[in-house]
């Protein structure tokens, strides 16, 4: 299975919610880009390994920093595989 890349907010939100996830950040990261900087962004799927290290954030905050840091989401429709990467690393795959 190959991963798809997107920066589209609606596509990301639909995929995450379809798979039972929510926007999150890694605890004890952030602040370098200002007081509102959430740090390292992740997608949290309850019941998986990130429970202790992740903190839920709003979609608004997630997408603000997702765009500010020029990120993209690699994902597979069939499962929960996802990775937040630099847009430059997947430019040829973005629509």
C-alpha atoms as a PDB file:
ATOM      1  CA  UNK A   1       0.000   0.000   0.000  1.00  0.00           C
ATOM      2  CA  UNK A   2       1.332   3.399  -0.859  1.00  0.00           C
ATOM      3  CA  UNK A   3       0.721   6.504   1.181  1.00  0.00           C
ATOM      4  CA  UNK A   4      -1.008   9.605  -0.115  1.00  0.00           C
ATOM      5  CA  UNK A   5       0.106  13.119   0.781  1.00  0.00           C
ATOM      6  CA  UNK A   6      -2.155  16.077   1.468  1.00  0.00           C
ATOM      7  CA  UNK A   7      -2.219  19.550   2.970  1.00  0.00           C
ATOM      8  CA  UNK A   8      -5.995  19.926   2.579  1.00  0.00           C
ATOM      9  CA  UNK A   9      -7.553  20.636   5.968  1.00  0.00           C
ATOM     10  CA  UNK A  10     -10.911  19.022   5.144  1.00  0.00           C
ATOM     11  CA  UNK A  11      -9.267  15.841   3.851  1.00  0.00           C
ATOM     12  CA  UNK A  12      -7.058  15.586   6.929  1.00  0.00           C
ATOM     13  CA  UNK A  13      -9.889  16.195   9.365  1.00  0.00           C
ATOM     14  CA  UNK A  14     -12.186  13.662   7.643  1.00  0.00           C
ATOM     15  CA  UNK A  15      -9.455  10.988   7.559  1.00  0.00           C
ATOM     16  CA  UNK A  16      -8.476  11.513  11.211  1.00  0.00           C
ATOM     17  CA  UNK A  17     -12.064  11.456  12.469  1.00  0.00           C
ATOM     18  CA  UNK A  18     -12.947   8.451  10.284  1.00  0.00           C
ATOM     19  CA  UNK A  19     -10.158   6.524  12.018  1.00  0.00           C
ATOM     20  CA  UNK A  20     -11.121   7.690  15.534  1.00  0.00           C
ATOM     21  CA  UNK A  21      -8.253  10.129  16.002  1.00  0.00           C
ATOM     22  CA  UNK A  22      -7.881  13.713  17.087  1.00  0.00           C
ATOM     23  CA  UNK A  23      -5.276  16.487  16.723  1.00  0.00           C
ATOM     24  CA  UNK A  24      -2.582  16.476  19.389  1.00  0.00           C
ATOM     25  CA  UNK A  25       0.817  17.757  20.356  1.00  0.00           C
ATOM     26  CA  UNK A  26       3.719  16.126  22.156  1.00  0.00           C
ATOM     27  CA  UNK A  27       3.751  17.312  25.782  1.00  0.00           C
ATOM     28  CA  UNK A  28       6.722  19.400  26.904  1.00  0.00           C
ATOM     29  CA  UNK A  29       7.465  20.613  23.368  1.00  0.00           C
ATOM     30  CA  UNK A  30       6.704  24.005  21.928  1.00  0.00           C
ATOM     31  CA  UNK A  31       7.242  27.585  22.838  1.00  0.00           C
ATOM     32  CA  UNK A  32      10.116  28.168  20.397  1.00  0.00           C
ATOM     33  CA  UNK A  33       7.772  29.807  17.885  1.00  0.00           C
ATOM     34  CA  UNK A  34       6.031  31.920  20.505  1.00  0.00           C
ATOM     35  CA  UNK A  35       3.800  31.297  23.493  1.00  0.00           C
ATOM     36  CA  UNK A  36       1.084  29.727  21.335  1.00  0.00           C
ATOM     37  CA  UNK A  37       3.505  27.289  19.625  1.00  0.00           C
ATOM     38  CA  UNK A  38       2.162  23.796  20.402  1.00  0.00           C
ATOM     39  CA  UNK A  39       5.448  22.085  19.513  1.00  0.00           C
ATOM     40  CA  UNK A  40       5.495  18.745  17.739  1.00  0.00           C
ATOM     41  CA  UNK A  41       2.148  17.948  16.112  1.00  0.00           C
ATOM     42  CA  UNK A  42       0.720  14.432  16.059  1.00  0.00           C
ATOM     43  CA  UNK A  43      -2.527  12.569  15.469  1.00  0.00           C
ATOM     44  CA  UNK A  44      -3.714  10.815  18.625  1.00  0.00           C
ATOM     45  CA  UNK A  45      -5.543   7.501  18.421  1.00  0.00           C
ATOM     46  CA  UNK A  46      -6.916   6.574  21.872  1.00  0.00           C
ATOM     47  CA  UNK A  47      -5.626   3.293  23.227  1.00  0.00           C
ATOM     48  CA  UNK A  48      -2.263   3.489  21.462  1.00  0.00           C
ATOM     49  CA  UNK A  49       1.222   4.256  22.740  1.00  0.00           C
ATOM     50  CA  UNK A  50       0.928   8.047  22.797  1.00  0.00           C
ATOM     51  CA  UNK A  51      -1.501   8.300  25.707  1.00  0.00           C
ATOM     52  CA  UNK A  52       1.100   9.468  28.237  1.00  0.00           C
ATOM     53  CA  UNK A  53       3.044  11.771  25.919  1.00  0.00           C
ATOM     54  CA  UNK A  54       0.296  13.425  23.842  1.00  0.00           C
ATOM     55  CA  UNK A  55      -2.097  16.243  24.663  1.00  0.00           C
ATOM     56  CA  UNK A  56      -5.192  17.000  22.578  1.00  0.00           C
ATOM     57  CA  UNK A  57      -5.377  20.410  20.896  1.00  0.00           C
ATOM     58  CA  UNK A  58      -8.047  22.121  18.808  1.00  0.00           C
ATOM     59  CA  UNK A  59      -8.253  21.702  15.049  1.00  0.00           C
ATOM     60  CA  UNK A  60      -7.783  25.462  14.771  1.00  0.00           C
ATOM     61  CA  UNK A  61      -4.477  25.373  16.646  1.00  0.00           C
ATOM     62  CA  UNK A  62      -3.356  22.222  14.817  1.00  0.00           C
ATOM     63  CA  UNK A  63      -3.958  23.696  11.359  1.00  0.00           C
ATOM     64  CA  UNK A  64      -2.496  27.096  12.273  1.00  0.00           C
ATOM     65  CA  UNK A  65       0.850  25.483  13.100  1.00  0.00           C
ATOM     66  CA  UNK A  66       0.529  22.810  10.402  1.00  0.00           C
ATOM     67  CA  UNK A  67       0.455  25.596   7.793  1.00  0.00           C
ATOM     68  CA  UNK A  68       2.930  27.888   9.563  1.00  0.00           C
ATOM     69  CA  UNK A  69       5.492  25.060   9.640  1.00  0.00           C
ATOM     70  CA  UNK A  70       4.700  24.033   6.029  1.00  0.00           C
ATOM     71  CA  UNK A  71       3.748  20.470   6.914  1.00  0.00           C
ATOM     72  CA  UNK A  72       1.891  17.754   5.015  1.00  0.00           C
ATOM     73  CA  UNK A  73       0.180  14.543   6.096  1.00  0.00           C
ATOM     74  CA  UNK A  74       1.158  11.175   4.642  1.00  0.00           C
ATOM     75  CA  UNK A  75      -1.660   8.675   5.189  1.00  0.00           C
ATOM     76  CA  UNK A  76      -3.278   5.475   3.948  1.00  0.00           C
ATOM     77  CA  UNK A  77      -7.044   5.224   3.568  1.00  0.00           C
ATOM     78  CA  UNK A  78      -7.169   1.572   4.637  1.00  0.00           C
ATOM     79  CA  UNK A  79      -5.523   1.924   8.050  1.00  0.00           C
ATOM     80  CA  UNK A  80      -4.203   4.376  10.625  1.00  0.00           C
ATOM     81  CA  UNK A  81      -0.776   4.812   9.067  1.00  0.00           C
ATOM     82  CA  UNK A  82       0.130   8.495   9.110  1.00  0.00           C
ATOM     83  CA  UNK A  83       3.174  10.694   9.310  1.00  0.00           C
ATOM     84  CA  UNK A  84       3.447  14.467   9.500  1.00  0.00           C
ATOM     85  CA  UNK A  85       6.271  15.585   7.223  1.00  0.00           C
ATOM     86  CA  UNK A  86       7.738  18.655   5.571  1.00  0.00           C
ATOM     87  CA  UNK A  87       5.790  19.727   2.475  1.00  0.00           C
ATOM     88  CA  UNK A  88       9.054  19.913   0.537  1.00  0.00           C
ATOM     89  CA  UNK A  89       9.642  16.204   1.086  1.00  0.00           C
ATOM     90  CA  UNK A  90       6.355  15.311  -0.681  1.00  0.00           C
ATOM     91  CA  UNK A  91       5.913  18.190  -3.150  1.00  0.00           C
ATOM     92  CA  UNK A  92       5.580  15.860  -6.142  1.00  0.00           C
ATOM     93  CA  UNK A  93       2.712  13.968  -4.432  1.00  0.00           C
ATOM     94  CA  UNK A  94       0.641  17.013  -3.448  1.00  0.00           C
ATOM     95  CA  UNK A  95      -2.364  17.944  -5.564  1.00  0.00           C
END
